[in-house]
C-alpha atoms as a PDB file:
ATOM      1  CA  MET A   1      33.455 -11.015 165.643  1.00  0.00           C
ATOM      2  CA  GLY A   2      32.303  -9.722 162.259  1.00  0.00           C
ATOM      3  CA  MET A   3      33.800  -9.346 158.779  1.00  0.00           C
ATOM      4  CA  LEU A   4      33.484  -7.421 155.520  1.00  0.00           C
ATOM      5  CA  ILE A   5      31.299  -8.701 152.687  1.00  0.00           C
ATOM      6  CA  ASN A   6      31.767  -6.758 149.443  1.00  0.00           C
ATOM      7  CA  GLY A   7      33.079  -3.815 151.443  1.00  0.00           C
ATOM      8  CA  THR A   8      30.178  -3.779 153.923  1.00  0.00           C
ATOM      9  CA  TRP A   9      30.620  -4.734 157.556  1.00  0.00           C
ATOM     10  CA  ILE A  10      28.488  -7.563 158.984  1.00  0.00           C
ATOM     11  CA  ASP A  11      28.438  -8.475 162.680  1.00  0.00           C
ATOM     12  CA  ASP A  12      27.070 -12.018 162.369  1.00  0.00           C
ATOM     13  CA  ASP A  13      29.797 -14.053 160.700  1.00  0.00           C
ATOM     14  CA  ALA A  14      29.247 -17.371 162.499  1.00  0.00           C
ATOM     15  CA  ALA A  15      28.455 -19.182 159.258  1.00  0.00           C
ATOM     16  CA  HIS A  16      31.902 -18.246 157.954  1.00  0.00           C
ATOM     17  CA  ARG A  17      33.848 -19.407 161.023  1.00  0.00           C
ATOM     18  CA  HIS A  18      32.843 -23.035 161.582  1.00  0.00           C
ATOM     19  CA  ALA A  19      32.771 -26.275 159.635  1.00  0.00           C
ATOM     20  CA  ALA A  20      29.705 -28.514 159.590  1.00  0.00           C
ATOM     21  CA  ASP A  21      31.070 -30.566 162.511  1.00  0.00           C
ATOM     22  CA  GLY A  22      31.409 -27.490 164.730  1.00  0.00           C
ATOM     23  CA  ALA A  23      35.181 -27.149 164.350  1.00  0.00           C
ATOM     24  CA  PHE A  24      36.652 -23.634 164.211  1.00  0.00           C
ATOM     25  CA  VAL A  25      38.122 -22.772 160.787  1.00  0.00           C
ATOM     26  CA  ARG A  26      40.726 -20.025 160.437  1.00  0.00           C
ATOM     27  CA  PRO A  27      40.554 -18.375 156.994  1.00  0.00           C
ATOM     28  CA  ASP A  28      43.626 -17.757 154.877  1.00  0.00           C
ATOM     29  CA  ALA A  29      45.098 -14.284 154.531  1.00  0.00           C
ATOM     30  CA  ASN A  30      43.790 -12.231 151.604  1.00  0.00           C
ATOM     31  CA  PHE A  31      46.752  -9.894 151.013  1.00  0.00           C
ATOM     32  CA  THR A  32      49.919 -11.797 150.152  1.00  0.00           C
ATOM     33  CA  ALA A  33      52.320  -9.388 148.430  1.00  0.00           C
ATOM     34  CA  ARG A  34      55.904  -9.210 149.645  1.00  0.00           C
ATOM     35  CA  VAL A  35      58.329  -6.418 150.461  1.00  0.00           C
ATOM     36  CA  THR A  36      61.758  -7.185 148.994  1.00  0.00           C
ATOM     37  CA  ALA A  37      65.132  -5.527 149.386  1.00  0.00           C
ATOM     38  CA  ASP A  38      65.492  -4.956 145.622  1.00  0.00           C
ATOM     39  CA  GLY A  39      61.896  -3.982 144.966  1.00  0.00           C
ATOM     40  CA  SER A  40      61.352  -6.752 142.401  1.00  0.00           C
ATOM     41  CA  SER A  41      58.017  -7.538 144.067  1.00  0.00           C
ATOM     42  CA  GLY A  42      56.716  -4.022 143.461  1.00  0.00           C
ATOM     43  CA  PHE A  43      57.199  -3.199 147.137  1.00  0.00           C
ATOM     44  CA  LYS A  44      60.760  -2.060 147.809  1.00  0.00           C
ATOM     45  CA  ALA A  45      62.114  -2.036 151.345  1.00  0.00           C
ATOM     46  CA  GLU A  46      62.651   1.593 152.379  1.00  0.00           C
ATOM     47  CA  PRO A  47      62.806   3.248 155.794  1.00  0.00           C
ATOM     48  CA  GLY A  48      59.640   5.134 156.688  1.00  0.00           C
ATOM     49  CA  ARG A  49      57.553   3.674 153.863  1.00  0.00           C
ATOM     50  CA  TYR A  50      55.716   0.902 155.716  1.00  0.00           C
ATOM     51  CA  HIS A  51      53.369   0.868 158.679  1.00  0.00           C
ATOM     52  CA  LEU A  52      52.113  -1.956 160.893  1.00  0.00           C
ATOM     53  CA  PHE A  53      48.634  -2.052 162.395  1.00  0.00           C
ATOM     54  CA  VAL A  54      48.729  -4.371 165.422  1.00  0.00           C
ATOM     55  CA  SER A  55      47.187  -5.247 168.750  1.00  0.00           C
ATOM     56  CA  ALA A  56      49.461  -6.106 171.650  1.00  0.00           C
ATOM     57  CA  GLY A  57      46.852  -8.630 172.755  1.00  0.00           C
ATOM     58  CA  CYS A  58      46.752 -10.636 169.519  1.00  0.00           C
ATOM     59  CA  PRO A  59      49.333 -13.435 169.254  1.00  0.00           C
ATOM     60  CA  TRP A  60      49.534 -13.226 165.462  1.00  0.00           C
ATOM     61  CA  ALA A  61      50.294  -9.499 165.642  1.00  0.00           C
ATOM     62  CA  HIS A  62      52.648 -10.100 168.568  1.00  0.00           C
ATOM     63  CA  ARG A  63      54.854 -12.207 166.274  1.00  0.00           C
ATOM     64  CA  THR A  64      55.548  -9.156 164.127  1.00  0.00           C
ATOM     65  CA  ILE A  65      56.001  -6.825 167.112  1.00  0.00           C
ATOM     66  CA  LEU A  66      58.675  -9.199 168.418  1.00  0.00           C
ATOM     67  CA  THR A  67      60.429  -9.460 165.057  1.00  0.00           C
ATOM     68  CA  ARG A  68      60.440  -5.689 164.643  1.00  0.00           C
ATOM     69  CA  ARG A  69      62.060  -5.404 168.084  1.00  0.00           C
ATOM     70  CA  LEU A  70      64.565  -8.243 167.555  1.00  0.00           C
ATOM     71  CA  LYS A  71      65.660  -6.863 164.177  1.00  0.00           C
ATOM     72  CA  ASN A  72      65.969  -3.303 165.534  1.00  0.00           C
ATOM     73  CA  LEU A  73      63.474  -1.930 163.006  1.00  0.00           C
ATOM     74  CA  GLU A  74      61.484   0.300 165.313  1.00  0.00           C
ATOM     75  CA  ASP A  75      62.812   3.458 163.640  1.00  0.00           C
ATOM     76  CA  VAL A  76      62.348   1.943 160.173  1.00  0.00           C
ATOM     77  CA  ILE A  77      58.746   0.688 160.249  1.00  0.00           C
ATOM     78  CA  SER A  78      56.112   2.760 162.047  1.00  0.00           C
ATOM     79  CA  ILE A  79      53.370   1.099 164.064  1.00  0.00           C
ATOM     80  CA  SER A  80      49.862   1.666 165.431  1.00  0.00           C
ATOM     81  CA  PHE A  81      48.690  -0.281 168.469  1.00  0.00           C
ATOM     82  CA  SER A  82      44.964  -0.885 168.842  1.00  0.00           C
ATOM     83  CA  ASP A  83      44.236   1.113 171.981  1.00  0.00           C
ATOM     84  CA  LEU A  84      40.432   1.404 171.920  1.00  0.00           C
ATOM     85  CA  PRO A  85      37.720  -1.201 172.557  1.00  0.00           C
ATOM     86  CA  ARG A  86      36.564  -3.037 169.462  1.00  0.00           C
ATOM     87  CA  VAL A  87      33.190  -1.820 168.227  1.00  0.00           C
ATOM     88  CA  ARG A  88      33.457  -3.772 165.001  1.00  0.00           C
ATOM     89  CA  SER A  89      37.041  -4.274 163.853  1.00  0.00           C
ATOM     90  CA  TRP A  90      40.240  -3.387 165.744  1.00  0.00           C
ATOM     91  CA  ALA A  91      40.118   0.278 166.780  1.00  0.00           C
ATOM     92  CA  PHE A  92      42.828   2.940 166.971  1.00  0.00           C
ATOM     93  CA  SER A  93      42.863   6.448 168.409  1.00  0.00           C
ATOM     94  CA  THR A  94      45.381   7.693 165.834  1.00  0.00           C
ATOM     95  CA  GLY A  95      45.519   7.605 162.054  1.00  0.00           C
ATOM     96  CA  ILE A  96      48.134   7.725 159.316  1.00  0.00           C
ATOM     97  CA  GLY A  97      46.900  10.561 157.123  1.00  0.00           C
ATOM     98  CA  ARG A  98      44.667  11.214 154.108  1.00  0.00           C
ATOM     99  CA  ASN A  99      41.455   9.185 154.332  1.00  0.00           C
ATOM    100  CA  LEU A 100      42.725   7.111 157.258  1.00  0.00           C
ATOM    101  CA  GLU A 101      42.318   9.488 160.158  1.00  0.00           C
ATOM    102  CA  PRO A 102      40.000   8.882 163.136  1.00  0.00           C
ATOM    103  CA  LYS A 103      36.308   9.728 162.820  1.00  0.00           C
ATOM    104  CA  GLU A 104      34.818  10.855 166.127  1.00  0.00           C
ATOM    105  CA  GLY A 105      38.089   9.780 167.718  1.00  0.00           C
ATOM    106  CA  VAL A 106      38.213   6.279 166.218  1.00  0.00           C
ATOM    107  CA  LEU A 107      39.922   4.694 163.229  1.00  0.00           C
ATOM    108  CA  GLU A 108      38.488   1.220 162.726  1.00  0.00           C
ATOM    109  CA  LEU A 109      40.686  -1.199 160.822  1.00  0.00           C
ATOM    110  CA  HIS A 110      37.944  -2.142 158.374  1.00  0.00           C
ATOM    111  CA  ARG A 111      38.373   1.343 156.893  1.00  0.00           C
ATOM    112  CA  VAL A 112      42.002   0.493 156.132  1.00  0.00           C
ATOM    113  CA  TYR A 113      40.863  -2.619 154.282  1.00  0.00           C
ATOM    114  CA  THR A 114      38.254  -0.839 152.187  1.00  0.00           C
ATOM    115  CA  ALA A 115      40.748   1.962 151.461  1.00  0.00           C
ATOM    116  CA  ALA A 116      42.953  -0.701 149.893  1.00  0.00           C
ATOM    117  CA  MET A 117      40.097  -2.663 148.264  1.00  0.00           C
ATOM    118  CA  PRO A 118      36.632  -1.051 148.312  1.00  0.00           C
ATOM    119  CA  ALA A 119      34.781  -4.335 147.589  1.00  0.00           C
ATOM    120  CA  TYR A 120      36.889  -6.421 149.980  1.00  0.00           C
ATOM    121  CA  THR A 121      35.344  -9.612 151.363  1.00  0.00           C
ATOM    122  CA  GLY A 122      37.039 -11.309 154.296  1.00  0.00           C
ATOM    123  CA  ARG A 123      38.415 -10.899 157.788  1.00  0.00           C
ATOM    124  CA  VAL A 124      39.828  -7.659 159.106  1.00  0.00           C
ATOM    125  CA  THR A 125      42.864  -8.806 161.024  1.00  0.00           C
ATOM    126  CA  VAL A 126      46.048  -7.736 162.693  1.00  0.00           C
ATOM    127  CA  PRO A 127      48.843  -7.594 161.810  1.00  0.00           C
ATOM    128  CA  THR A 128      48.274  -5.568 158.664  1.00  0.00           C
ATOM    129  CA  LEU A 129      51.288  -4.196 156.785  1.00  0.00           C
ATOM    130  CA  TRP A 130      50.473  -0.941 154.987  1.00  0.00           C
ATOM    131  CA  ASP A 131      52.441   0.798 152.235  1.00  0.00           C
ATOM    132  CA  LYS A 132      52.268   4.561 152.774  1.00  0.00           C
ATOM    133  CA  GLN A 133      53.651   5.236 149.297  1.00  0.00           C
ATOM    134  CA  ARG A 134      51.228   3.149 147.208  1.00  0.00           C
ATOM    135  CA  TRP A 135      48.519   3.645 149.865  1.00  0.00           C
ATOM    136  CA  THR A 136      47.491   0.034 150.058  1.00  0.00           C
ATOM    137  CA  ILE A 137      47.801  -3.129 152.120  1.00  0.00           C
ATOM    138  CA  VAL A 138      50.844  -5.229 151.319  1.00  0.00           C
ATOM    139  CA  ASN A 139      50.174  -8.270 153.484  1.00  0.00           C
ATOM    140  CA  ASN A 140      48.042  -9.416 156.422  1.00  0.00           C
ATOM    141  CA  ASP A 141      49.675 -12.772 157.109  1.00  0.00           C
ATOM    142  CA  SER A 142      51.810 -12.745 160.245  1.00  0.00           C
ATOM    143  CA  ALA A 143      54.156 -15.511 159.062  1.00  0.00           C
ATOM    144  CA  ASP A 144      54.874 -13.659 155.810  1.00  0.00           C
ATOM    145  CA  ILE A 145      55.441 -10.385 157.618  1.00  0.00           C
ATOM    146  CA  MET A 146      57.885 -12.020 160.032  1.00  0.00           C
ATOM    147  CA  ARG A 147      59.913 -13.323 157.097  1.00  0.00           C
ATOM    148  CA  MET A 148      59.918  -9.907 155.394  1.00  0.00           C
ATOM    149  CA  LEU A 149      61.096  -8.160 158.540  1.00  0.00           C
ATOM    150  CA  ASN A 150      63.768 -10.815 159.013  1.00  0.00           C
ATOM    151  CA  THR A 151      65.585 -10.110 155.734  1.00  0.00           C
ATOM    152  CA  ALA A 152      64.157  -7.343 153.532  1.00  0.00           C
ATOM    153  CA  PHE A 153      65.193  -4.437 155.775  1.00  0.00           C
ATOM    154  CA  ASP A 154      68.701  -5.615 156.694  1.00  0.00           C
ATOM    155  CA  GLU A 155      70.229  -2.449 155.203  1.00  0.00           C
ATOM    156  CA  TRP A 156      68.774  -0.574 158.203  1.00  0.00           C
ATOM    157  CA  GLY A 157      68.144  -3.279 160.802  1.00  0.00           C
ATOM    158  CA  ASP A 158      70.309  -5.764 162.670  1.00  0.00           C
ATOM    159  CA  ARG A 159      71.591  -8.147 160.004  1.00  0.00           C
ATOM    160  CA  THR A 160      73.347 -10.253 162.657  1.00  0.00           C
ATOM    161  CA  VAL A 161      69.902 -11.537 163.715  1.00  0.00           C
ATOM    162  CA  ASP A 162      68.615 -14.217 161.334  1.00  0.00           C
ATOM    163  CA  LEU A 163      65.501 -15.988 162.545  1.00  0.00           C
ATOM    164  CA  TYR A 164      65.256 -18.219 159.459  1.00  0.00           C
ATOM    165  CA  PRO A 165      68.818 -19.432 158.712  1.00  0.00           C
ATOM    166  CA  ALA A 166      69.148 -21.421 155.496  1.00  0.00           C
ATOM    167  CA  HIS A 167      70.547 -24.587 157.072  1.00  0.00           C
ATOM    168  CA  LEU A 168      67.624 -24.859 159.511  1.00  0.00           C
ATOM    169  CA  ARG A 169      64.735 -23.933 157.228  1.00  0.00           C
ATOM    170  CA  ALA A 170      63.425 -27.447 156.609  1.00  0.00           C
ATOM    171  CA  GLU A 171      63.397 -28.181 160.343  1.00  0.00           C
ATOM    172  CA  ILE A 172      61.844 -24.799 161.167  1.00  0.00           C
ATOM    173  CA  ASP A 173      59.092 -25.324 158.601  1.00  0.00           C
ATOM    174  CA  GLU A 174      58.303 -28.790 159.920  1.00  0.00           C
ATOM    175  CA  ILE A 175      58.082 -27.595 163.529  1.00  0.00           C
ATOM    176  CA  ASN A 176      56.091 -24.502 162.563  1.00  0.00           C
ATOM    177  CA  GLN A 177      53.489 -26.634 160.818  1.00  0.00           C
ATOM    178  CA  ARG A 178      52.927 -28.911 163.809  1.00  0.00           C
ATOM    179  CA  VAL A 179      52.952 -26.062 166.321  1.00  0.00           C
ATOM    180  CA  TYR A 180      50.614 -23.920 164.230  1.00  0.00           C
ATOM    181  CA  GLU A 181      48.027 -26.649 163.707  1.00  0.00           C
ATOM    182  CA  ASN A 182      47.974 -28.014 167.234  1.00  0.00           C
ATOM    183  CA  VAL A 183      49.125 -25.185 169.515  1.00  0.00           C
ATOM    184  CA  ASN A 184      48.942 -21.685 167.951  1.00  0.00           C
ATOM    185  CA  ASN A 185      45.625 -22.425 166.278  1.00  0.00           C
ATOM    186  CA  GLY A 186      44.867 -25.385 168.517  1.00  0.00           C
ATOM    187  CA  VAL A 187      43.927 -23.184 171.465  1.00  0.00           C
ATOM    188  CA  TYR A 188      41.446 -21.358 169.223  1.00  0.00           C
ATOM    189  CA  ARG A 189      40.025 -24.653 168.019  1.00  0.00           C
ATOM    190  CA  CYS A 190      39.377 -25.476 171.669  1.00  0.00           C
ATOM    191  CA  GLY A 191      37.948 -22.086 172.571  1.00  0.00           C
ATOM    192  CA  PHE A 192      35.679 -21.642 169.547  1.00  0.00           C
ATOM    193  CA  ALA A 193      34.539 -25.232 169.050  1.00  0.00           C
ATOM    194  CA  ARG A 194      30.779 -25.555 168.606  1.00  0.00           C
ATOM    195  CA  SER A 195      30.546 -29.286 169.341  1.00  0.00           C
ATOM    196  CA  GLN A 196      31.871 -31.493 172.128  1.00  0.00           C
ATOM    197  CA  ALA A 197      33.584 -33.794 169.632  1.00  0.00           C
ATOM    198  CA  ALA A 198      35.394 -30.919 167.904  1.00  0.00           C
ATOM    199  CA  TYR A 199      36.509 -29.514 171.265  1.00  0.00           C
ATOM    200  CA  GLU A 200      37.789 -32.849 172.558  1.00  0.00           C
ATOM    201  CA  GLU A 201      39.695 -33.550 169.340  1.00  0.00           C
ATOM    202  CA  ALA A 202      41.404 -30.144 169.470  1.00  0.00           C
ATOM    203  CA  PHE A 203      42.106 -30.513 173.207  1.00  0.00           C
ATOM    204  CA  ALA A 204      43.779 -33.894 172.698  1.00  0.00           C
ATOM    205  CA  ARG A 205      45.988 -32.614 169.864  1.00  0.00           C
ATOM    206  CA  LEU A 206      46.936 -29.508 171.848  1.00  0.00           C
ATOM    207  CA  PHE A 207      48.186 -31.376 174.886  1.00  0.00           C
ATOM    208  CA  GLU A 208      49.782 -34.166 172.872  1.00  0.00           C
ATOM    209  CA  THR A 209      51.881 -31.493 171.160  1.00  0.00           C
ATOM    210  CA  LEU A 210      52.681 -29.630 174.381  1.00  0.00           C
ATOM    211  CA  ASP A 211      53.873 -32.936 175.867  1.00  0.00           C
ATOM    212  CA  TRP A 212      56.050 -33.478 172.786  1.00  0.00           C
ATOM    213  CA  LEU A 213      57.490 -29.968 173.030  1.00  0.00           C
ATOM    214  CA  ASP A 214      58.276 -30.371 176.715  1.00  0.00           C
ATOM    215  CA  GLU A 215      60.130 -33.611 175.978  1.00  0.00           C
ATOM    216  CA  ARG A 216      62.012 -32.056 173.057  1.00  0.00           C
ATOM    217  CA  LEU A 217      63.145 -29.123 175.200  1.00  0.00           C
ATOM    218  CA  ALA A 218      64.543 -31.445 177.865  1.00  0.00           C
ATOM    219  CA  SER A 219      67.662 -31.899 175.721  1.00  0.00           C
ATOM    220  CA  SER A 220      67.481 -28.979 173.258  1.00  0.00           C
ATOM    221  CA  ARG A 221      68.016 -25.346 174.277  1.00  0.00           C
ATOM    222  CA  TYR A 222      65.659 -24.132 171.546  1.00  0.00           C
ATOM    223  CA  LEU A 223      63.235 -25.863 169.196  1.00  0.00           C
ATOM    224  CA  CYS A 224      65.875 -26.299 166.475  1.00  0.00           C
ATOM    225  CA  GLY A 225      68.855 -26.978 168.699  1.00  0.00           C
ATOM    226  CA  GLU A 226      71.402 -24.457 169.882  1.00  0.00           C
ATOM    227  CA  ARG A 227      70.112 -21.467 167.902  1.00  0.00           C
ATOM    228  CA  ILE A 228      66.967 -19.442 168.537  1.00  0.00           C
ATOM    229  CA  THR A 229      64.780 -19.101 165.436  1.00  0.00           C
ATOM    230  CA  GLU A 230      61.379 -17.877 164.328  1.00  0.00           C
ATOM    231  CA  ALA A 231      59.965 -21.237 165.457  1.00  0.00           C
ATOM    232  CA  ASP A 232      60.690 -20.272 169.065  1.00  0.00           C
ATOM    233  CA  TRP A 233      59.055 -16.850 168.784  1.00  0.00           C
ATOM    234  CA  ARG A 234      56.000 -18.262 167.000  1.00  0.00           C
ATOM    235  CA  LEU A 235      55.565 -20.662 169.919  1.00  0.00           C
ATOM    236  CA  TYR A 236      56.351 -17.979 172.522  1.00  0.00           C
ATOM    237  CA  VAL A 237      53.302 -15.868 171.700  1.00  0.00           C
ATOM    238  CA  THR A 238      50.995 -18.778 172.539  1.00  0.00           C
ATOM    239  CA  LEU A 239      52.901 -19.998 175.584  1.00  0.00           C
ATOM    240  CA  VAL A 240      52.981 -16.551 177.187  1.00  0.00           C
ATOM    241  CA  ARG A 241      49.176 -16.327 176.876  1.00  0.00           C
ATOM    242  CA  PHE A 242      48.467 -19.839 178.043  1.00  0.00           C
ATOM    243  CA  ASP A 243      48.018 -19.524 181.799  1.00  0.00           C
ATOM    244  CA  ILE A 244      46.594 -16.009 181.648  1.00  0.00           C
ATOM    245  CA  ALA A 245      43.956 -16.623 178.955  1.00  0.00           C
ATOM    246  CA  TYR A 246      43.766 -19.988 177.237  1.00  0.00           C
ATOM    247  CA  TYR A 247      43.722 -22.184 180.341  1.00  0.00           C
ATOM    248  CA  SER A 248      40.406 -20.775 181.559  1.00  0.00           C
ATOM    249  CA  ASN A 249      38.826 -18.739 178.787  1.00  0.00           C
ATOM    250  CA  PHE A 250      39.477 -21.287 176.022  1.00  0.00           C
ATOM    251  CA  LYS A 251      38.984 -24.369 178.253  1.00  0.00           C
ATOM    252  CA  CYS A 252      42.577 -25.571 177.768  1.00  0.00           C
ATOM    253  CA  ASN A 253      42.679 -26.762 181.356  1.00  0.00           C
ATOM    254  CA  ARG A 254      44.374 -30.142 181.551  1.00  0.00           C
ATOM    255  CA  GLN A 255      47.295 -28.415 183.229  1.00  0.00           C
ATOM    256  CA  HIS A 256      48.913 -25.007 183.491  1.00  0.00           C
ATOM    257  CA  LEU A 257      51.952 -24.146 181.409  1.00  0.00           C
ATOM    258  CA  HIS A 258      53.973 -23.616 184.570  1.00  0.00           C
ATOM    259  CA  GLU A 259      53.430 -27.301 185.400  1.00  0.00           C
ATOM    260  CA  TYR A 260      55.589 -28.322 182.435  1.00  0.00           C
ATOM    261  CA  PRO A 261      59.200 -28.348 183.711  1.00  0.00           C
ATOM    262  CA  ASN A 262      60.947 -27.678 180.399  1.00  0.00           C
ATOM    263  CA  LEU A 263      58.373 -25.522 178.641  1.00  0.00           C
ATOM    264  CA  SER A 264      58.067 -23.270 181.678  1.00  0.00           C
ATOM    265  CA  ASN A 265      61.831 -22.716 181.970  1.00  0.00           C
ATOM    266  CA  TYR A 266      62.077 -22.216 178.196  1.00  0.00           C
ATOM    267  CA  LEU A 267      59.282 -19.618 178.328  1.00  0.00           C
ATOM    268  CA  ARG A 268      61.059 -17.874 181.176  1.00  0.00           C
ATOM    269  CA  GLU A 269      64.242 -17.580 179.098  1.00  0.00           C
ATOM    270  CA  LEU A 270      62.394 -16.197 176.076  1.00  0.00           C
ATOM    271  CA  TYR A 271      60.473 -13.685 178.194  1.00  0.00           C
ATOM    272  CA  GLN A 272      63.777 -12.493 179.662  1.00  0.00           C
ATOM    273  CA  TRP A 273      65.409 -12.125 176.227  1.00  0.00           C
ATOM    274  CA  PRO A 274      66.523  -8.483 175.788  1.00  0.00           C
ATOM    275  CA  GLY A 275      63.577  -6.270 174.887  1.00  0.00           C
ATOM    276  CA  ILE A 276      60.899  -8.980 174.913  1.00  0.00           C
ATOM    277  CA  ALA A 277      59.264  -8.280 178.285  1.00  0.00           C
ATOM    278  CA  GLN A 278      58.786  -4.668 177.210  1.00  0.00           C
ATOM    279  CA  VAL A 279      56.654  -5.759 174.220  1.00  0.00           C
ATOM    280  CA  THR A 280      54.620  -8.375 176.106  1.00  0.00           C
ATOM    281  CA  ASP A 281      51.555  -6.591 177.475  1.00  0.00           C
ATOM    282  CA  PHE A 282      49.629  -8.809 179.895  1.00  0.00           C
ATOM    283  CA  GLU A 283      46.906  -6.309 180.707  1.00  0.00           C
ATOM    284  CA  THR A 284      46.056  -5.875 177.031  1.00  0.00           C
ATOM    285  CA  ILE A 285      46.185  -9.645 176.511  1.00  0.00           C
ATOM    286  CA  LYS A 286      43.622 -10.150 179.267  1.00  0.00           C
ATOM    287  CA  ARG A 287      41.432  -7.319 178.039  1.00  0.00           C
ATOM    288  CA  VAL A 288      41.399  -8.654 174.477  1.00  0.00           C
ATOM    289  CA  TYR A 289      40.675 -12.277 175.323  1.00  0.00           C
ATOM    290  CA  PHE A 290      38.118 -11.778 178.042  1.00  0.00           C
ATOM    291  CA  SER A 291      36.182  -9.283 175.921  1.00  0.00           C
ATOM    292  CA  ILE A 292      35.359 -12.026 173.377  1.00  0.00           C
ATOM    293  CA  LYS A 293      31.622 -12.437 173.886  1.00  0.00           C
ATOM    294  CA  ASP A 294      31.506 -15.863 172.227  1.00  0.00           C
ATOM    295  CA  VAL A 295      33.510 -17.399 175.063  1.00  0.00           C
ATOM    296  CA  ASN A 296      33.026 -14.876 177.892  1.00  0.00           C
ATOM    297  CA  PRO A 297      29.538 -13.347 177.553  1.00  0.00           C
ATOM    298  CA  SER A 298      29.811 -11.343 180.785  1.00  0.00           C
ATOM    299  CA  GLY A 299      32.900  -9.511 179.586  1.00  0.00           C
ATOM    300  CA  LEU A 300      34.320  -9.595 183.115  1.00  0.00           C
ATOM    301  CA  ILE A 301      38.110  -9.484 183.195  1.00  0.00           C
ATOM    302  CA  PRO A 302      39.763 -11.641 185.884  1.00  0.00           C
ATOM    303  CA  ILE A 303      42.080  -9.967 188.362  1.00  0.00           C
ATOM    304  CA  GLY A 304      44.594 -12.808 188.408  1.00  0.00           C
ATOM    305  CA  PRO A 305      46.822 -14.577 187.956  1.00  0.00           C
ATOM    306  CA  ARG A 306      49.126 -12.287 189.904  1.00  0.00           C
ATOM    307  CA  ASP A 307      52.350 -14.236 189.312  1.00  0.00           C
ATOM    308  CA  LEU A 308      53.064 -15.881 185.946  1.00  0.00           C
ATOM    309  CA  ARG A 309      56.485 -17.045 187.201  1.00  0.00           C
ATOM    310  CA  LEU A 310      58.379 -15.466 184.311  1.00  0.00           C
ATOM    311  CA  THR A 311      60.906 -13.272 186.081  1.00  0.00           C
ATOM    312  CA  GLY A 312      62.751 -15.792 188.242  1.00  0.00           C
ATOM    313  CA  PRO A 313      65.806 -17.844 187.281  1.00  0.00           C
ATOM    314  CA  HIS A 314      65.561 -20.489 184.570  1.00  0.00           C
ATOM    315  CA  ASP A 315      67.638 -23.612 183.974  1.00  0.00           C
ATOM    316  CA  ARG A 316      68.235 -23.281 180.231  1.00  0.00           C
ATOM    317  CA  GLY A 317      71.897 -22.474 180.692  1.00  0.00           C
ATOM    318  CA  ARG A 318      72.512 -26.201 181.281  1.00  0.00           C
ATOM    319  CA  LEU A 319      72.048 -26.708 177.522  1.00  0.00           C
ATOM    320  CA  PRO A 320      74.453 -25.468 174.825  1.00  0.00           C
ATOM    321  CA  SER A 321      73.525 -22.419 172.744  1.00  0.00           C
ATOM    322  CA  TRP A 322      74.877 -21.014 169.486  1.00  0.00           C
ATOM    323  CA  ALA A 323      75.206 -17.424 170.714  1.00  0.00           C
END
């Protein structure tokens, strides 16, 4: 997968990705500044100032793509989708000016990181939020970026959409923590485990949590009751990839997502939410996941599944909703 060490790219980063017991370890984000409406953070929310580097295949980036769509910020925050095969870091066919234009047709994301911090050490990840005015990275943590997009740009976006309402924040945070550890990151802990024990521990926690979620959604329209929140969209990006990628490629194969009665209907409703299907790119998802040599050395991309059962009717209308 590779990373930067003191501004220099290395391909062999295995020693930085696993604990001694073989468990996969996800590093923390390195850029943690915040965009605020009043600019008190040093990064003031302004239309046209910020740019997102993303991949439609990456679930962490997908969170921010969804939030940008839900908040109607597509004319406020520009975006680059990784549209070229990864040579080292995520690769783009277009640039954003100055020293961040393609070389021989390619802009690799590691150049964005070293433009912001020449001696940077760490992962080169999407999403990355770039400030075109100060010419630097603001933040590369998807959860932080979701929160910024949710409130900081309300002067130009849809302020009627609040994915992190004050009265639900404690519940959202609690659910997010469990879902992140066991589901969002849990599938990666299965797929990248380097020992049988680490894999089996991650597998057990993943399906224990999916069982819990399915039971919770039997009587609750959304994860926090009658109102859709960021907790639902953070879960969505993993659920929508489950049968197409994680079930086989990451060995998460106790059962398919569509075999869960409540989770499958819930996923169907979220996929059919206005604008969401248009920013859920299954072909890119497959290409990204099945090109990971660590888990799929051949690089062959499966033809199926043909039908993910997302476009038919769902039963979620039987439960009350806030909207």
